[in-house]
PDB file of all heavy atoms in Angstrom:
ATOM      1  N   PHE A   1       0.826  -1.128   0.045  1.00  0.00           N
ATOM      2  CA  PHE A   1      -0.015  -0.005   0.022  1.00  0.00           C
ATOM      3  C   PHE A   1       0.857   1.259   0.039  1.00  0.00           C
ATOM      4  O   PHE A   1       0.703   2.102  -0.795  1.00  0.00           O
ATOM      5  CB  PHE A   1      -0.975  -0.011   1.220  1.00  0.00           C
ATOM      6  CG  PHE A   1      -1.736   1.175   1.396  1.00  0.00           C
ATOM      7  CD1 PHE A   1      -2.540   1.718   0.426  1.00  0.00           C
ATOM      8  CD2 PHE A   1      -1.595   1.921   2.579  1.00  0.00           C
ATOM      9  CE1 PHE A   1      -3.274   2.901   0.688  1.00  0.00           C
ATOM     10  CE2 PHE A   1      -2.247   3.077   2.826  1.00  0.00           C
ATOM     11  CZ  PHE A   1      -3.122   3.620   1.938  1.00  0.00           C
ATOM     12  N   HIS A   2       1.782   1.325   0.922  1.00  0.00           N
ATOM     13  CA  HIS A   2       2.653   2.520   0.994  1.00  0.00           C
ATOM     14  C   HIS A   2       3.662   2.612  -0.229  1.00  0.00           C
ATOM     15  O   HIS A   2       3.946   3.692  -0.580  1.00  0.00           O
ATOM     16  CB  HIS A   2       3.421   2.508   2.330  1.00  0.00           C
ATOM     17  CG  HIS A   2       2.578   2.760   3.515  1.00  0.00           C
ATOM     18  ND1 HIS A   2       1.836   3.917   3.694  1.00  0.00           N
ATOM     19  CD2 HIS A   2       2.194   1.918   4.534  1.00  0.00           C
ATOM     20  CE1 HIS A   2       1.161   3.805   4.849  1.00  0.00           C
ATOM     21  NE2 HIS A   2       1.317   2.700   5.360  1.00  0.00           N
ATOM     22  N   LYS A   3       4.035   1.460  -0.660  1.00  0.00           N
ATOM     23  CA  LYS A   3       4.886   1.512  -1.878  1.00  0.00           C
ATOM     24  C   LYS A   3       4.160   2.098  -3.040  1.00  0.00           C
ATOM     25  O   LYS A   3       4.739   2.894  -3.831  1.00  0.00           O
ATOM     26  CB  LYS A   3       5.310  -0.024  -2.212  1.00  0.00           C
ATOM     27  CG  LYS A   3       6.037  -0.149  -3.541  1.00  0.00           C
ATOM     28  CD  LYS A   3       7.454   0.220  -3.429  1.00  0.00           C
ATOM     29  CE  LYS A   3       8.232  -0.227  -4.733  1.00  0.00           C
ATOM     30  NZ  LYS A   3       9.639   0.214  -4.730  1.00  0.00           N
ATOM     31  N   GLY A   4       2.937   1.702  -3.253  1.00  0.00           N
ATOM     32  CA  GLY A   4       2.088   2.271  -4.220  1.00  0.00           C
ATOM     33  C   GLY A   4       1.832   3.739  -4.097  1.00  0.00           C
ATOM     34  O   GLY A   4       1.723   4.464  -5.108  1.00  0.00           O
ATOM     35  N   MET A   5       1.740   4.197  -2.890  1.00  0.00           N
ATOM     36  CA  MET A   5       1.492   5.613  -2.522  1.00  0.00           C
ATOM     37  C   MET A   5       2.764   6.341  -2.707  1.00  0.00           C
ATOM     38  O   MET A   5       2.735   7.611  -2.862  1.00  0.00           O
ATOM     39  CB  MET A   5       0.978   5.729  -1.103  1.00  0.00           C
ATOM     40  CG  MET A   5      -0.375   5.139  -0.824  1.00  0.00           C
ATOM     41  SD  MET A   5      -1.735   6.218  -1.355  1.00  0.00           S
ATOM     42  CE  MET A   5      -1.512   7.567  -0.176  1.00  0.00           C
ATOM     43  N   GLN A   6       3.929   5.686  -2.652  1.00  0.00           N
ATOM     44  CA  GLN A   6       5.233   6.356  -2.723  1.00  0.00           C
ATOM     45  C   GLN A   6       5.390   7.445  -1.640  1.00  0.00           C
ATOM     46  O   GLN A   6       5.913   8.526  -1.870  1.00  0.00           O
ATOM     47  CB  GLN A   6       5.494   7.025  -4.158  1.00  0.00           C
ATOM     48  CG  GLN A   6       5.546   5.961  -5.226  1.00  0.00           C
ATOM     49  CD  GLN A   6       5.796   6.562  -6.602  1.00  0.00           C
ATOM     50  OE1 GLN A   6       5.468   7.703  -6.839  1.00  0.00           O
ATOM     51  NE2 GLN A   6       6.420   5.841  -7.420  1.00  0.00           N
ATOM     52  N   ASP A   7       4.885   7.054  -0.426  1.00  0.00           N
ATOM     53  CA  ASP A   7       4.914   7.994   0.663  1.00  0.00           C
ATOM     54  C   ASP A   7       6.174   7.733   1.563  1.00  0.00           C
ATOM     55  O   ASP A   7       6.933   6.866   1.298  1.00  0.00           O
ATOM     56  CB  ASP A   7       3.625   7.998   1.430  1.00  0.00           C
ATOM     57  CG  ASP A   7       3.293   6.686   2.033  1.00  0.00           C
ATOM     58  OD1 ASP A   7       4.162   5.898   2.242  1.00  0.00           O
ATOM     59  OD2 ASP A   7       2.068   6.437   2.358  1.00  0.00           O
ATOM     60  N   GLU A   8       6.180   8.547   2.631  1.00  0.00           N
ATOM     61  CA  GLU A   8       7.373   8.446   3.557  1.00  0.00           C
ATOM     62  C   GLU A   8       7.305   7.250   4.392  1.00  0.00           C
ATOM     63  O   GLU A   8       8.255   6.880   5.052  1.00  0.00           O
ATOM     64  CB  GLU A   8       7.416   9.673   4.511  1.00  0.00           C
ATOM     65  CG  GLU A   8       6.346   9.823   5.544  1.00  0.00           C
ATOM     66  CD  GLU A   8       5.054  10.377   4.866  1.00  0.00           C
ATOM     67  OE1 GLU A   8       4.942  10.658   3.698  1.00  0.00           O
ATOM     68  OE2 GLU A   8       4.090  10.530   5.697  1.00  0.00           O
ATOM     69  N   LEU A   9       6.232   6.504   4.488  1.00  0.00           N
ATOM     70  CA  LEU A   9       6.110   5.271   5.196  1.00  0.00           C
ATOM     71  C   LEU A   9       6.533   4.037   4.428  1.00  0.00           C
ATOM     72  O   LEU A   9       6.571   2.986   5.002  1.00  0.00           O
ATOM     73  CB  LEU A   9       4.711   5.146   5.677  1.00  0.00           C
ATOM     74  CG  LEU A   9       4.111   6.214   6.665  1.00  0.00           C
ATOM     75  CD1 LEU A   9       2.710   5.917   7.046  1.00  0.00           C
ATOM     76  CD2 LEU A   9       5.051   6.209   7.904  1.00  0.00           C
ATOM     77  N   SER A  10       6.846   4.156   3.210  1.00  0.00           N
ATOM     78  CA  SER A  10       7.170   2.957   2.366  1.00  0.00           C
ATOM     79  C   SER A  10       8.484   2.278   2.850  1.00  0.00           C
ATOM     80  O   SER A  10       8.377   1.050   3.019  1.00  0.00           O
ATOM     81  CB  SER A  10       7.442   3.500   0.863  1.00  0.00           C
ATOM     82  OG  SER A  10       7.807   2.369   0.083  1.00  0.00           O
ATOM     83  N   ASP A  11       9.555   2.980   3.099  1.00  0.00           N
ATOM     84  CA  ASP A  11      10.780   2.387   3.593  1.00  0.00           C
ATOM     85  C   ASP A  11      10.617   1.738   4.962  1.00  0.00           C
ATOM     86  O   ASP A  11      11.054   0.666   5.171  1.00  0.00           O
ATOM     87  CB  ASP A  11      11.927   3.437   3.546  1.00  0.00           C
ATOM     88  CG  ASP A  11      12.407   3.712   2.149  1.00  0.00           C
ATOM     89  OD1 ASP A  11      12.046   2.962   1.252  1.00  0.00           O
ATOM     90  OD2 ASP A  11      13.035   4.736   1.863  1.00  0.00           O
ATOM     91  N   PRO A  12      10.000   2.497   5.967  1.00  0.00           N
ATOM     92  CA  PRO A  12       9.765   1.775   7.313  1.00  0.00           C
ATOM     93  C   PRO A  12       8.877   0.609   7.091  1.00  0.00           C
ATOM     94  O   PRO A  12       9.110  -0.367   7.801  1.00  0.00           O
ATOM     95  CB  PRO A  12       9.080   2.985   8.030  1.00  0.00           C
ATOM     96  CG  PRO A  12       9.537   4.225   7.431  1.00  0.00           C
ATOM     97  CD  PRO A  12       9.651   3.958   5.947  1.00  0.00           C
ATOM     98  N   ALA A  13       7.859   0.646   6.230  1.00  0.00           N
ATOM     99  CA  ALA A  13       7.033  -0.543   6.089  1.00  0.00           C
ATOM    100  C   ALA A  13       7.815  -1.687   5.579  1.00  0.00           C
ATOM    101  O   ALA A  13       7.627  -2.909   5.974  1.00  0.00           O
ATOM    102  CB  ALA A  13       5.848  -0.192   5.160  1.00  0.00           C
ATOM    103  N   LEU A  14       8.715  -1.550   4.680  1.00  0.00           N
ATOM    104  CA  LEU A  14       9.620  -2.520   4.073  1.00  0.00           C
ATOM    105  C   LEU A  14      10.486  -3.062   5.092  1.00  0.00           C
ATOM    106  O   LEU A  14      10.726  -4.351   5.267  1.00  0.00           O
ATOM    107  CB  LEU A  14      10.373  -2.031   2.874  1.00  0.00           C
ATOM    108  CG  LEU A  14      11.366  -2.983   2.185  1.00  0.00           C
ATOM    109  CD1 LEU A  14      10.618  -4.213   1.696  1.00  0.00           C
ATOM    110  CD2 LEU A  14      12.028  -2.338   1.084  1.00  0.00           C
ATOM    111  N   THR A  15      11.141  -2.230   5.943  1.00  0.00           N
ATOM    112  CA  THR A  15      11.981  -2.620   7.093  1.00  0.00           C
ATOM    113  C   THR A  15      11.152  -3.527   8.072  1.00  0.00           C
ATOM    114  O   THR A  15      11.694  -4.558   8.483  1.00  0.00           O
ATOM    115  CB  THR A  15      12.627  -1.462   7.743  1.00  0.00           C
ATOM    116  OG1 THR A  15      13.382  -0.630   6.873  1.00  0.00           O
ATOM    117  CG2 THR A  15      13.461  -1.941   8.898  1.00  0.00           C
ATOM    118  N   GLY A  16       9.952  -3.046   8.313  1.00  0.00           N
ATOM    119  CA  GLY A  16       9.130  -3.766   9.250  1.00  0.00           C
ATOM    120  C   GLY A  16       8.758  -5.155   8.681  1.00  0.00           C
ATOM    121  O   GLY A  16       8.682  -6.160   9.394  1.00  0.00           O
ATOM    122  N   LEU A  17       8.472  -5.244   7.413  1.00  0.00           N
ATOM    123  CA  LEU A  17       8.204  -6.452   6.754  1.00  0.00           C
ATOM    124  C   LEU A  17       9.348  -7.483   6.830  1.00  0.00           C
ATOM    125  O   LEU A  17       9.105  -8.570   7.231  1.00  0.00           O
ATOM    126  CB  LEU A  17       7.775  -6.225   5.283  1.00  0.00           C
ATOM    127  CG  LEU A  17       7.548  -7.437   4.417  1.00  0.00           C
ATOM    128  CD1 LEU A  17       6.423  -8.318   4.923  1.00  0.00           C
ATOM    129  CD2 LEU A  17       7.309  -7.029   2.947  1.00  0.00           C
ATOM    130  N   MET A  18      10.516  -6.958   6.563  1.00  0.00           N
ATOM    131  CA  MET A  18      11.690  -7.914   6.540  1.00  0.00           C
ATOM    132  C   MET A  18      11.967  -8.313   7.959  1.00  0.00           C
ATOM    133  O   MET A  18      12.342  -9.522   8.203  1.00  0.00           O
ATOM    134  CB  MET A  18      12.939  -7.169   5.962  1.00  0.00           C
ATOM    135  CG  MET A  18      12.758  -6.769   4.520  1.00  0.00           C
ATOM    136  SD  MET A  18      12.528  -8.247   3.421  1.00  0.00           S
ATOM    137  CE  MET A  18      14.099  -9.086   3.661  1.00  0.00           C
ATOM    138  N   ASP A  19      11.906  -7.475   8.979  1.00  0.00           N
ATOM    139  CA  ASP A  19      12.028  -7.915  10.385  1.00  0.00           C
ATOM    140  C   ASP A  19      10.998  -8.909  10.708  1.00  0.00           C
ATOM    141  O   ASP A  19      11.311  -9.897  11.418  1.00  0.00           O
ATOM    142  CB  ASP A  19      11.928  -6.632  11.345  1.00  0.00           C
ATOM    143  CG  ASP A  19      13.089  -5.652  11.174  1.00  0.00           C
ATOM    144  OD1 ASP A  19      14.103  -6.025  10.555  1.00  0.00           O
ATOM    145  OD2 ASP A  19      12.993  -4.526  11.611  1.00  0.00           O
ATOM    146  N   SER A  20       9.800  -8.747  10.369  1.00  0.00           N
ATOM    147  CA  SER A  20       8.770  -9.690  10.661  1.00  0.00           C
ATOM    148  C   SER A  20       9.065 -11.054  10.036  1.00  0.00           C
ATOM    149  O   SER A  20       8.717 -12.090  10.587  1.00  0.00           O
ATOM    150  CB  SER A  20       7.363  -9.199  10.174  1.00  0.00           C
ATOM    151  OG  SER A  20       7.030  -7.964  10.813  1.00  0.00           O
ATOM    152  N   ILE A  21       9.569 -11.064   8.785  1.00  0.00           N
ATOM    153  CA  ILE A  21       9.886 -12.271   8.075  1.00  0.00           C
ATOM    154  C   ILE A  21      10.931 -13.030   8.883  1.00  0.00           C
ATOM    155  O   ILE A  21      10.853 -14.278   9.077  1.00  0.00           O
ATOM    156  CB  ILE A  21      10.340 -11.994   6.625  1.00  0.00           C
ATOM    157  CG1 ILE A  21       9.208 -11.647   5.761  1.00  0.00           C
ATOM    158  CG2 ILE A  21      11.154 -13.093   6.050  1.00  0.00           C
ATOM    159  CD1 ILE A  21       8.217 -12.835   5.472  1.00  0.00           C
ATOM    160  N   ASN A  22      11.952 -12.345   9.257  1.00  0.00           N
ATOM    161  CA  ASN A  22      13.022 -13.038  10.019  1.00  0.00           C
ATOM    162  C   ASN A  22      12.556 -13.637  11.313  1.00  0.00           C
ATOM    163  O   ASN A  22      12.952 -14.745  11.632  1.00  0.00           O
ATOM    164  CB  ASN A  22      14.176 -11.995  10.244  1.00  0.00           C
ATOM    165  CG  ASN A  22      14.940 -11.646   9.033  1.00  0.00           C
ATOM    166  OD1 ASN A  22      15.119 -12.501   8.161  1.00  0.00           O
ATOM    167  ND2 ASN A  22      15.359 -10.414   8.919  1.00  0.00           N
ATOM    168  N   ALA A  23      11.683 -12.890  12.049  1.00  0.00           N
ATOM    169  CA  ALA A  23      11.145 -13.392  13.280  1.00  0.00           C
ATOM    170  C   ALA A  23      10.245 -14.495  13.082  1.00  0.00           C
ATOM    171  O   ALA A  23      10.257 -15.551  13.733  1.00  0.00           O
ATOM    172  CB  ALA A  23      10.447 -12.239  14.009  1.00  0.00           C
ATOM    173  N   TYR A  24       9.411 -14.482  11.986  1.00  0.00           N
ATOM    174  CA  TYR A  24       8.412 -15.505  11.658  1.00  0.00           C
ATOM    175  C   TYR A  24       9.132 -16.850  11.324  1.00  0.00           C
ATOM    176  O   TYR A  24       8.803 -17.898  11.715  1.00  0.00           O
ATOM    177  CB  TYR A  24       7.498 -15.037  10.532  1.00  0.00           C
ATOM    178  CG  TYR A  24       6.509 -16.103  10.102  1.00  0.00           C
ATOM    179  CD1 TYR A  24       5.341 -16.207  10.860  1.00  0.00           C
ATOM    180  CD2 TYR A  24       6.691 -16.925   9.005  1.00  0.00           C
ATOM    181  CE1 TYR A  24       4.341 -17.235  10.447  1.00  0.00           C
ATOM    182  CE2 TYR A  24       5.790 -17.866   8.657  1.00  0.00           C
ATOM    183  CZ  TYR A  24       4.528 -17.983   9.402  1.00  0.00           C
ATOM    184  OH  TYR A  24       3.605 -18.987   9.018  1.00  0.00           O
ATOM    185  N   ALA A  25      10.218 -16.646  10.514  1.00  0.00           N
ATOM    186  CA  ALA A  25      10.956 -17.842  10.031  1.00  0.00           C
ATOM    187  C   ALA A  25      11.607 -18.571  11.168  1.00  0.00           C
ATOM    188  O   ALA A  25      11.758 -19.857  11.060  1.00  0.00           O
ATOM    189  CB  ALA A  25      12.052 -17.463   8.955  1.00  0.00           C
ATOM    190  N   GLN A  26      12.083 -17.888  12.201  1.00  0.00           N
ATOM    191  CA  GLN A  26      12.714 -18.519  13.327  1.00  0.00           C
ATOM    192  C   GLN A  26      11.748 -19.529  14.047  1.00  0.00           C
ATOM    193  O   GLN A  26      12.201 -20.557  14.612  1.00  0.00           O
ATOM    194  CB  GLN A  26      13.268 -17.531  14.269  1.00  0.00           C
ATOM    195  CG  GLN A  26      14.468 -16.825  13.713  1.00  0.00           C
ATOM    196  CD  GLN A  26      15.009 -15.714  14.693  1.00  0.00           C
ATOM    197  OE1 GLN A  26      14.530 -15.626  15.852  1.00  0.00           O
ATOM    198  NE2 GLN A  26      15.957 -14.912  14.227  1.00  0.00           N
ATOM    199  N   GLY A  27      10.471 -19.105  14.095  1.00  0.00           N
ATOM    200  CA  GLY A  27       9.465 -19.911  14.866  1.00  0.00           C
ATOM    201  C   GLY A  27       8.679 -20.819  14.056  1.00  0.00           C
ATOM    202  O   GLY A  27       8.004 -21.784  14.502  1.00  0.00           O
ATOM    203  N   ALA A  28       8.450 -20.512  12.694  1.00  0.00           N
ATOM    204  CA  ALA A  28       7.576 -21.226  11.840  1.00  0.00           C
ATOM    205  C   ALA A  28       8.031 -22.692  11.711  1.00  0.00           C
ATOM    206  O   ALA A  28       9.202 -22.958  11.494  1.00  0.00           O
ATOM    207  CB  ALA A  28       7.406 -20.597  10.552  1.00  0.00           C
ATOM    208  N   THR A  29       7.087 -23.636  11.739  1.00  0.00           N
ATOM    209  CA  THR A  29       7.431 -25.025  11.618  1.00  0.00           C
ATOM    210  C   THR A  29       6.600 -25.761  10.422  1.00  0.00           C
ATOM    211  O   THR A  29       7.085 -26.807  10.080  1.00  0.00           O
ATOM    212  CB  THR A  29       7.190 -25.805  12.865  1.00  0.00           C
ATOM    213  OG1 THR A  29       5.765 -25.662  13.257  1.00  0.00           O
ATOM    214  CG2 THR A  29       8.106 -25.328  13.969  1.00  0.00           C
ATOM    215  N   LYS A  30       5.538 -25.109   9.976  1.00  0.00           N
ATOM    216  CA  LYS A  30       4.735 -25.812   8.968  1.00  0.00           C
ATOM    217  C   LYS A  30       4.212 -24.901   7.844  1.00  0.00           C
ATOM    218  O   LYS A  30       4.058 -25.305   6.685  1.00  0.00           O
ATOM    219  CB  LYS A  30       3.638 -26.535   9.613  1.00  0.00           C
ATOM    220  CG  LYS A  30       2.666 -25.739  10.550  1.00  0.00           C
ATOM    221  CD  LYS A  30       1.650 -26.598  11.101  1.00  0.00           C
ATOM    222  CE  LYS A  30       0.670 -25.759  12.037  1.00  0.00           C
ATOM    223  NZ  LYS A  30      -0.411 -26.603  12.652  1.00  0.00           N
ATOM    224  N   ASP A  31       3.740 -23.652   8.191  1.00  0.00           N
ATOM    225  CA  ASP A  31       3.158 -22.817   7.148  1.00  0.00           C
ATOM    226  C   ASP A  31       4.182 -21.817   6.617  1.00  0.00           C
ATOM    227  O   ASP A  31       4.481 -20.865   7.234  1.00  0.00           O
ATOM    228  CB  ASP A  31       1.990 -22.058   7.799  1.00  0.00           C
ATOM    229  CG  ASP A  31       1.129 -21.435   6.641  1.00  0.00           C
ATOM    230  OD1 ASP A  31       1.538 -21.384   5.490  1.00  0.00           O
ATOM    231  OD2 ASP A  31      -0.023 -21.126   6.924  1.00  0.00           O
ATOM    232  N   PHE A  32       4.741 -22.118   5.457  1.00  0.00           N
ATOM    233  CA  PHE A  32       5.809 -21.302   4.913  1.00  0.00           C
ATOM    234  C   PHE A  32       5.221 -20.510   3.665  1.00  0.00           C
ATOM    235  O   PHE A  32       6.031 -19.821   3.029  1.00  0.00           O
ATOM    236  CB  PHE A  32       7.045 -22.180   4.523  1.00  0.00           C
ATOM    237  CG  PHE A  32       7.411 -22.981   5.485  1.00  0.00           C
ATOM    238  CD1 PHE A  32       7.551 -24.398   5.404  1.00  0.00           C
ATOM    239  CD2 PHE A  32       7.794 -22.526   6.808  1.00  0.00           C
ATOM    240  CE1 PHE A  32       7.987 -25.250   6.402  1.00  0.00           C
ATOM    241  CE2 PHE A  32       8.314 -23.315   7.861  1.00  0.00           C
ATOM    242  CZ  PHE A  32       8.315 -24.710   7.655  1.00  0.00           C
TER     243      PHE A  32
END
């Protein structure tokens, strides 16, 4: 959404997404 808007929240949203992926991958055991 923020990428499409090209607003100032796009980069923080991407950083948050990547952080969430790393955290999710550490605990995920079945739904990838």
